[in-house]
Amino acid sequence: MLFVFYESRRPVKSLKDINRIYQRRSLFSRKKAIETLEEGLQLDSLKDNEKLFLSMQLALEYYKLKDYEKACEAFKRVVDEALRTDYIKIEEKFLIKLVGSYILNNKREEAQKIYNRLLASGKCDKSKVVEDMLKNRPS
């Protein structure tokens, strides 16, 4: 069976364009999907909430690739935006990956600080899973 995929040459102008390309590329290559998300973050036409969405996707893609250093960088952008705005609350499953990336990148203390800041600002709910992750020290 032969599959032919058409790669549009239309200029990428919107979140819809980025999302369409990202979805297609992520089926075959995480690295290509990451390239698409990073390209999207460079667009001046995107609103802050759209860039936040792309940063969240980017953080999760790096996490899936086990590139925890780059995942931490992308998660940091999400946390900074969450702390800066009123409309963002971080869900537990995202928070687990965020804290996990920092721990796996040997930045447990930084993960604790981020978690405490998010809790204090009301940007996340208390999480037993995250607190257990932060308590557990590797033997």
C-alpha atoms as a PDB file:
ATOM      1  CA  MET A   1       0.000   0.000   0.000  1.00  0.00           C
ATOM      2  CA  LEU A   2       1.381   3.384  -0.938  1.00  0.00           C
ATOM      3  CA  PHE A   3       0.521   6.594   0.907  1.00  0.00           C
ATOM      4  CA  VAL A   4       1.119   9.984  -0.585  1.00  0.00           C
ATOM      5  CA  PHE A   5       0.864  13.007   1.656  1.00  0.00           C
ATOM      6  CA  TYR A   6       0.460  16.430   0.242  1.00  0.00           C
ATOM      7  CA  GLU A   7       2.640  19.032   1.940  1.00  0.00           C
ATOM      8  CA  SER A   8       0.987  22.387   1.502  1.00  0.00           C
ATOM      9  CA  ARG A   9       3.218  25.273   0.455  1.00  0.00           C
ATOM     10  CA  ARG A  10       0.815  27.866   1.805  1.00  0.00           C
ATOM     11  CA  PRO A  11       2.443  30.269   4.237  1.00  0.00           C
ATOM     12  CA  VAL A  12       1.854  29.471   7.884  1.00  0.00           C
ATOM     13  CA  LYS A  13      -0.051  32.397   9.372  1.00  0.00           C
ATOM     14  CA  SER A  14      -2.236  31.128  12.188  1.00  0.00           C
ATOM     15  CA  LEU A  15      -2.560  28.684  15.027  1.00  0.00           C
ATOM     16  CA  LYS A  16      -4.878  26.642  12.802  1.00  0.00           C
ATOM     17  CA  ASP A  17      -2.089  26.283  10.197  1.00  0.00           C
ATOM     18  CA  ILE A  18       0.469  25.322  12.838  1.00  0.00           C
ATOM     19  CA  ASN A  19      -1.897  22.845  14.456  1.00  0.00           C
ATOM     20  CA  ARG A  20      -2.742  21.203  11.106  1.00  0.00           C
ATOM     21  CA  ILE A  21       0.930  20.728  10.213  1.00  0.00           C
ATOM     22  CA  TYR A  22       1.847  19.672  13.758  1.00  0.00           C
ATOM     23  CA  GLN A  23      -0.852  16.996  13.829  1.00  0.00           C
ATOM     24  CA  ARG A  24       0.294  15.528  10.526  1.00  0.00           C
ATOM     25  CA  ARG A  25       4.006  15.633  11.337  1.00  0.00           C
ATOM     26  CA  SER A  26       3.590  14.224  14.844  1.00  0.00           C
ATOM     27  CA  LEU A  27       2.284  11.001  13.311  1.00  0.00           C
ATOM     28  CA  PHE A  28       5.689  10.339  11.778  1.00  0.00           C
ATOM     29  CA  SER A  29       8.348  12.320  13.620  1.00  0.00           C
ATOM     30  CA  ARG A  30       8.430  14.033  17.000  1.00  0.00           C
ATOM     31  CA  LYS A  31      11.405  16.093  15.839  1.00  0.00           C
ATOM     32  CA  LYS A  32       9.462  17.431  12.845  1.00  0.00           C
ATOM     33  CA  ALA A  33       6.510  18.140  15.137  1.00  0.00           C
ATOM     34  CA  ILE A  34       8.835  20.093  17.452  1.00  0.00           C
ATOM     35  CA  GLU A  35      10.191  22.071  14.499  1.00  0.00           C
ATOM     36  CA  THR A  36       6.615  23.007  13.598  1.00  0.00           C
ATOM     37  CA  LEU A  37       5.812  24.147  17.134  1.00  0.00           C
ATOM     38  CA  GLU A  38       9.005  26.193  17.376  1.00  0.00           C
ATOM     39  CA  GLU A  39       8.229  27.799  14.019  1.00  0.00           C
ATOM     40  CA  GLY A  40       4.781  28.660  15.297  1.00  0.00           C
ATOM     41  CA  LEU A  41       6.190  30.342  18.392  1.00  0.00           C
ATOM     42  CA  GLN A  42       8.057  32.756  16.104  1.00  0.00           C
ATOM     43  CA  LEU A  43       4.861  34.038  14.464  1.00  0.00           C
ATOM     44  CA  ASP A  44       4.045  37.608  15.470  1.00  0.00           C
ATOM     45  CA  SER A  45       0.418  37.117  14.460  1.00  0.00           C
ATOM     46  CA  LEU A  46      -0.328  34.724  17.337  1.00  0.00           C
ATOM     47  CA  LYS A  47      -1.956  35.913  20.539  1.00  0.00           C
ATOM     48  CA  ASP A  48      -0.381  35.193  23.944  1.00  0.00           C
ATOM     49  CA  ASN A  49      -2.840  32.397  24.712  1.00  0.00           C
ATOM     50  CA  GLU A  50      -2.065  30.750  21.349  1.00  0.00           C
ATOM     51  CA  LYS A  51       1.674  30.922  22.036  1.00  0.00           C
ATOM     52  CA  LEU A  52       1.007  29.453  25.468  1.00  0.00           C
ATOM     53  CA  PHE A  53      -0.828  26.531  23.834  1.00  0.00           C
ATOM     54  CA  LEU A  54       2.154  25.915  21.528  1.00  0.00           C
ATOM     55  CA  SER A  55       4.583  26.134  24.466  1.00  0.00           C
ATOM     56  CA  MET A  56       2.533  23.540  26.331  1.00  0.00           C
ATOM     57  CA  GLN A  57       2.574  21.221  23.325  1.00  0.00           C
ATOM     58  CA  LEU A  58       6.308  21.797  22.892  1.00  0.00           C
ATOM     59  CA  ALA A  59       7.016  20.949  26.534  1.00  0.00           C
ATOM     60  CA  LEU A  60       5.040  17.728  26.226  1.00  0.00           C
ATOM     61  CA  GLU A  61       6.817  16.758  22.988  1.00  0.00           C
ATOM     62  CA  TYR A  62      10.246  17.236  24.591  1.00  0.00           C
ATOM     63  CA  TYR A  63       9.037  15.256  27.604  1.00  0.00           C
ATOM     64  CA  LYS A  64       7.961  12.389  25.310  1.00  0.00           C
ATOM     65  CA  LEU A  65      11.377  12.514  23.613  1.00  0.00           C
ATOM     66  CA  LYS A  66      12.996  12.336  27.067  1.00  0.00           C
ATOM     67  CA  ASP A  67      14.853  15.572  26.383  1.00  0.00           C
ATOM     68  CA  TYR A  68      14.213  16.845  29.883  1.00  0.00           C
ATOM     69  CA  GLU A  69      16.495  19.855  29.612  1.00  0.00           C
ATOM     70  CA  LYS A  70      14.527  21.315  26.710  1.00  0.00           C
ATOM     71  CA  ALA A  71      11.281  20.187  28.325  1.00  0.00           C
ATOM     72  CA  CYS A  72      12.211  22.237  31.417  1.00  0.00           C
ATOM     73  CA  GLU A  73      12.849  25.297  29.247  1.00  0.00           C
ATOM     74  CA  ALA A  74       9.445  24.961  27.595  1.00  0.00           C
ATOM     75  CA  PHE A  75       7.705  24.223  30.908  1.00  0.00           C
ATOM     76  CA  LYS A  76       9.330  27.342  32.370  1.00  0.00           C
ATOM     77  CA  ARG A  77       7.711  29.470  29.641  1.00  0.00           C
ATOM     78  CA  VAL A  78       4.337  27.946  30.528  1.00  0.00           C
ATOM     79  CA  VAL A  79       4.843  28.569  34.260  1.00  0.00           C
ATOM     80  CA  ASP A  80       5.957  32.166  33.664  1.00  0.00           C
ATOM     81  CA  GLU A  81       2.863  32.820  31.553  1.00  0.00           C
ATOM     82  CA  ALA A  82       0.602  31.112  34.100  1.00  0.00           C
ATOM     83  CA  LEU A  83       1.968  33.291  36.889  1.00  0.00           C
ATOM     84  CA  ARG A  84       1.572  36.416  34.760  1.00  0.00           C
ATOM     85  CA  THR A  85      -2.072  35.927  33.800  1.00  0.00           C
ATOM     86  CA  ASP A  86      -5.385  35.376  35.526  1.00  0.00           C
ATOM     87  CA  TYR A  87      -6.962  32.876  33.151  1.00  0.00           C
ATOM     88  CA  ILE A  88      -4.557  29.926  33.461  1.00  0.00           C
ATOM     89  CA  LYS A  89      -4.748  27.029  35.889  1.00  0.00           C
ATOM     90  CA  ILE A  90      -2.408  24.074  35.481  1.00  0.00           C
ATOM     91  CA  GLU A  91      -4.002  20.626  35.542  1.00  0.00           C
ATOM     92  CA  GLU A  92      -2.506  17.837  37.631  1.00  0.00           C
ATOM     93  CA  LYS A  93      -1.474  15.599  34.721  1.00  0.00           C
ATOM     94  CA  PHE A  94       0.463  18.508  33.157  1.00  0.00           C
ATOM     95  CA  LEU A  95       1.933  19.406  36.558  1.00  0.00           C
ATOM     96  CA  ILE A  96       3.168  15.829  37.025  1.00  0.00           C
ATOM     97  CA  LYS A  97       5.076  15.962  33.737  1.00  0.00           C
ATOM     98  CA  LEU A  98       6.402  19.440  34.564  1.00  0.00           C
ATOM     99  CA  VAL A  99       7.746  18.378  37.966  1.00  0.00           C
ATOM    100  CA  GLY A 100       8.917  15.048  36.548  1.00  0.00           C
ATOM    101  CA  SER A 101      10.984  16.808  33.884  1.00  0.00           C
ATOM    102  CA  TYR A 102      12.757  18.895  36.502  1.00  0.00           C
ATOM    103  CA  ILE A 103      13.409  15.874  38.714  1.00  0.00           C
ATOM    104  CA  LEU A 104      14.723  13.818  35.782  1.00  0.00           C
ATOM    105  CA  ASN A 105      16.949  16.771  34.864  1.00  0.00           C
ATOM    106  CA  ASN A 106      18.397  16.761  38.428  1.00  0.00           C
ATOM    107  CA  LYS A 107      16.605  19.982  39.391  1.00  0.00           C
ATOM    108  CA  ARG A 108      14.491  18.707  42.281  1.00  0.00           C
ATOM    109  CA  GLU A 109      14.863  21.910  44.339  1.00  0.00           C
ATOM    110  CA  GLU A 110      13.782  24.043  41.386  1.00  0.00           C
ATOM    111  CA  ALA A 111      10.784  21.743  40.863  1.00  0.00           C
ATOM    112  CA  GLN A 112       9.838  22.236  44.526  1.00  0.00           C
ATOM    113  CA  LYS A 113      10.091  26.031  44.184  1.00  0.00           C
ATOM    114  CA  ILE A 114       7.945  26.051  41.036  1.00  0.00           C
ATOM    115  CA  TYR A 115       5.332  23.825  42.643  1.00  0.00           C
ATOM    116  CA  ASN A 116       5.219  26.049  45.745  1.00  0.00           C
ATOM    117  CA  ARG A 117       4.881  29.219  43.626  1.00  0.00           C
ATOM    118  CA  LEU A 118       2.052  27.707  41.579  1.00  0.00           C
ATOM    119  CA  LEU A 119       0.273  26.569  44.750  1.00  0.00           C
ATOM    120  CA  ALA A 120       0.691  29.926  46.488  1.00  0.00           C
ATOM    121  CA  SER A 121      -0.684  31.786  43.472  1.00  0.00           C
ATOM    122  CA  GLY A 122      -3.638  29.403  43.090  1.00  0.00           C
ATOM    123  CA  LYS A 123      -2.461  28.289  39.640  1.00  0.00           C
ATOM    124  CA  CYS A 124      -2.662  24.606  40.560  1.00  0.00           C
ATOM    125  CA  ASP A 125      -4.312  22.428  43.167  1.00  0.00           C
ATOM    126  CA  LYS A 126      -2.419  20.474  45.767  1.00  0.00           C
ATOM    127  CA  SER A 127      -1.329  17.124  44.338  1.00  0.00           C
ATOM    128  CA  LYS A 128      -0.414  14.097  46.431  1.00  0.00           C
ATOM    129  CA  VAL A 129       1.289  12.548  43.406  1.00  0.00           C
ATOM    130  CA  VAL A 130       3.513  15.605  42.888  1.00  0.00           C
ATOM    131  CA  GLU A 131       4.286  15.900  46.585  1.00  0.00           C
ATOM    132  CA  ASP A 132       5.288  12.234  46.687  1.00  0.00           C
ATOM    133  CA  MET A 133       7.506  12.756  43.644  1.00  0.00           C
ATOM    134  CA  LEU A 134       9.217  15.683  45.360  1.00  0.00           C
ATOM    135  CA  LYS A 135       9.724  13.761  48.629  1.00  0.00           C
ATOM    136  CA  ASN A 136      11.143  10.604  47.106  1.00  0.00           C
ATOM    137  CA  ARG A 137      14.883  10.765  46.897  1.00  0.00           C
ATOM    138  CA  PRO A 138      16.710   8.385  44.582  1.00  0.00           C
ATOM    139  CA  SER A 139      18.659   5.786  46.538  1.00  0.00           C
END
